[in-house]
Amino acid sequence: MIIKYTPETGEPELFDASKLLTSEAAIVCRTIDRQWGEVKRGILGDDPDSLRAVVWVMKKRTTPALRLSEFDPTIDQLRSQWDQREVREYAGVALAADVTDKERQEEIDRLVRNAADVAAAQAVVDELTAAQDPEASGPKEATPATGSRTLTKRS
């Protein structure tokens, strides 16, 4: 689970929520009064409280005095993205799903668009597709991001 923080000025920052220390996760949970499982689901669903709290705690590594009230980005500045492990796992699920080719392609396109590393995600999809269909041809171009991402089997 990658959280992309795009401040109004400066470069976007990526925060890997799976790299939180246990003590940091506990702070997040206490701060927003949720269990870690709820926080994880919140990150995946782009819940503002979950995204903000995780990024705030991770930013405190370099700015220990940063208070939550001082870190209040706009809703559009925080967004979750898929890490490479998630891309590989969910691409496999999407490719194996019993759905129409169009539905499968829509899920794959959505997955690639919402990956932290789009090029690497497309490479994973191409690799898995080629493994399923030896006649599959080269890389496919992902469509521009629209809508939210949803994969039905996410654990």
Protein backbone atom coordinates (compact mmCIF):
# COMPACT_ATOMS: atom_id res chain seq x y z
CA MET A 1 0.00 0.00 0.00
CA ILE A 2 1.59 3.17 -1.21
CA ILE A 3 0.21 6.57 -0.30
CA LYS A 4 1.06 9.37 -2.68
CA TYR A 5 1.11 12.83 -1.13
CA THR A 6 1.19 15.63 -3.70
CA PRO A 7 1.73 18.97 -1.94
CA GLU A 8 0.70 22.18 -3.70
CA THR A 9 4.37 23.06 -4.04
CA GLY A 10 7.21 20.62 -4.36
CA GLU A 11 7.48 17.08 -5.63
CA PRO A 12 5.05 14.25 -4.85
CA GLU A 13 6.10 12.01 -1.97
CA LEU A 14 5.44 8.28 -1.74
CA PHE A 15 4.87 6.55 1.61
CA ASP A 16 4.85 2.76 1.85
CA ALA A 17 2.35 1.92 4.59
CA SER A 18 3.75 -1.61 4.84
CA LYS A 19 6.97 -0.05 6.18
CA LEU A 20 5.26 1.40 9.26
CA LEU A 21 6.79 0.27 12.52
CA THR A 22 4.44 -1.39 14.98
CA SER A 23 4.77 1.59 17.31
CA GLU A 24 3.85 3.93 14.44
CA ALA A 25 0.83 1.82 13.51
CA ALA A 26 -0.29 1.98 17.14
CA ILE A 27 -0.05 5.79 17.04
CA VAL A 28 -2.14 5.85 13.87
CA CYS A 29 -4.76 3.60 15.48
CA ARG A 30 -4.96 5.70 18.65
CA THR A 31 -5.02 8.95 16.71
CA ILE A 32 -8.02 8.05 14.55
CA ASP A 33 -9.57 5.57 17.02
CA ARG A 34 -9.55 2.58 14.68
CA GLN A 35 -8.07 -0.90 14.64
CA TRP A 36 -5.21 -1.56 12.20
CA GLY A 37 -7.44 -3.70 9.94
CA GLU A 38 -9.83 -0.77 9.60
CA VAL A 39 -6.93 1.57 8.84
CA LYS A 40 -5.65 -0.78 6.11
CA ARG A 41 -9.11 -0.98 4.54
CA GLY A 42 -9.32 2.79 4.86
CA ILE A 43 -6.07 3.23 2.96
CA LEU A 44 -7.28 0.94 0.19
CA GLY A 45 -10.53 2.89 0.03
CA ASP A 46 -8.80 6.30 0.08
CA ASP A 47 -10.32 7.17 3.47
CA PRO A 48 -9.03 10.67 4.32
CA ASP A 49 -8.46 9.96 8.04
CA SER A 50 -6.48 6.79 7.36
CA LEU A 51 -4.36 8.34 4.60
CA ARG A 52 -3.66 11.50 6.58
CA ALA A 53 -2.76 9.70 9.82
CA VAL A 54 -0.35 7.26 8.14
CA VAL A 55 1.43 9.98 6.16
CA TRP A 56 1.59 12.22 9.23
CA VAL A 57 3.20 9.49 11.33
CA MET A 58 5.70 8.70 8.59
CA LYS A 59 6.54 12.40 8.09
CA LYS A 60 7.27 12.58 11.83
CA ARG A 61 10.34 10.44 11.17
CA THR A 62 12.05 13.47 9.64
CA THR A 63 10.01 16.16 11.40
CA PRO A 64 9.40 14.83 14.94
CA ALA A 65 7.64 17.98 16.15
CA LEU A 66 5.02 17.83 13.35
CA ARG A 67 1.54 17.92 14.87
CA LEU A 68 -1.46 16.36 13.15
CA SER A 69 -3.20 19.75 13.15
CA GLU A 70 -0.24 21.10 11.14
CA PHE A 71 -0.59 18.40 8.48
CA ASP A 72 -3.98 18.90 6.84
CA PRO A 73 -3.67 18.38 3.09
CA THR A 74 -6.58 18.77 0.72
CA ILE A 75 -8.50 15.63 -0.17
CA ASP A 76 -6.94 15.56 -3.64
CA GLN A 77 -3.40 15.62 -2.27
CA LEU A 78 -3.56 12.10 -0.75
CA ARG A 79 -4.20 8.96 -2.77
CA SER A 80 -3.48 5.29 -2.30
CA GLN A 81 -1.71 3.28 -4.97
CA TRP A 82 -0.85 -0.39 -5.44
CA ASP A 83 2.65 -1.57 -4.60
CA GLN A 84 4.37 -4.20 -6.77
CA ARG A 85 3.36 -7.13 -4.53
CA GLU A 86 -0.27 -6.06 -4.71
CA VAL A 87 -0.07 -5.55 -8.46
CA ARG A 88 1.25 -9.09 -8.99
CA GLU A 89 -1.30 -10.63 -6.63
CA TYR A 90 -4.35 -8.83 -7.97
CA ALA A 91 -3.34 -9.07 -11.61
CA GLY A 92 -3.28 -12.83 -11.10
CA VAL A 93 -6.76 -12.70 -9.56
CA ALA A 94 -8.10 -10.50 -12.39
CA LEU A 95 -6.59 -12.70 -15.09
CA ALA A 96 -8.02 -15.85 -13.52
CA ALA A 97 -11.49 -14.40 -12.86
CA ASP A 98 -14.46 -15.93 -14.65
CA VAL A 99 -15.55 -12.72 -16.39
CA THR A 100 -15.82 -11.45 -19.94
CA ASP A 101 -12.66 -10.38 -21.76
CA LYS A 102 -13.90 -6.78 -21.64
CA GLU A 103 -14.47 -6.89 -17.86
CA ARG A 104 -11.06 -8.49 -17.34
CA GLN A 105 -9.36 -5.81 -19.44
CA GLU A 106 -11.18 -3.05 -17.54
CA GLU A 107 -9.92 -4.47 -14.22
CA ILE A 108 -6.38 -4.83 -15.54
CA ASP A 109 -6.40 -1.28 -16.94
CA ARG A 110 -7.71 0.05 -13.61
CA LEU A 111 -5.03 -1.88 -11.74
CA VAL A 112 -2.24 -0.54 -13.95
CA ARG A 113 -3.53 3.06 -13.77
CA ASN A 114 -3.58 2.91 -9.97
CA ALA A 115 -0.18 1.32 -9.47
CA ALA A 116 2.59 3.33 -7.87
CA ASP A 117 4.86 2.27 -10.76
CA VAL A 118 2.68 2.10 -13.88
CA ALA A 119 5.42 0.79 -16.20
CA ALA A 120 6.38 -2.00 -13.80
CA ALA A 121 2.71 -2.89 -13.30
CA GLN A 122 2.18 -3.15 -17.06
CA ALA A 123 5.26 -5.38 -17.29
CA VAL A 124 3.79 -7.70 -14.62
CA VAL A 125 0.47 -7.84 -16.47
CA ASP A 126 2.25 -8.58 -19.76
CA GLU A 127 4.31 -11.31 -18.09
CA LEU A 128 1.28 -12.97 -16.50
CA THR A 129 -0.76 -12.64 -19.69
CA ALA A 130 2.03 -14.22 -21.76
CA ALA A 131 2.27 -17.07 -19.27
CA GLN A 132 -1.46 -17.73 -19.72
CA ASP A 133 -1.51 -17.23 -23.49
CA PRO A 134 1.76 -17.96 -25.31
CA GLU A 135 0.36 -16.25 -28.42
CA ALA A 136 -0.22 -12.95 -26.59
CA SER A 137 1.65 -10.12 -28.22
CA GLY A 138 3.75 -7.29 -26.75
CA PRO A 139 2.89 -4.66 -24.17
CA LYS A 140 -0.52 -3.08 -24.04
CA GLU A 141 -1.04 0.60 -23.42
CA ALA A 142 -2.98 1.51 -20.28
CA THR A 143 -5.84 3.95 -20.63
CA PRO A 144 -5.86 7.29 -18.74
CA ALA A 145 -7.06 7.21 -15.15
CA THR A 146 -10.79 7.55 -14.67
CA GLY A 147 -12.99 6.45 -11.83
CA SER A 148 -11.98 4.57 -8.74
CA ARG A 149 -10.19 1.29 -8.54
CA THR A 150 -11.95 -1.79 -7.42
CA LEU A 151 -10.82 -5.33 -7.48
CA THR A 152 -13.38 -7.64 -6.04
CA LYS A 153 -10.92 -10.00 -4.33
CA ARG A 154 -8.62 -8.00 -2.12
CA SER A 155 -7.48 -9.28 1.25
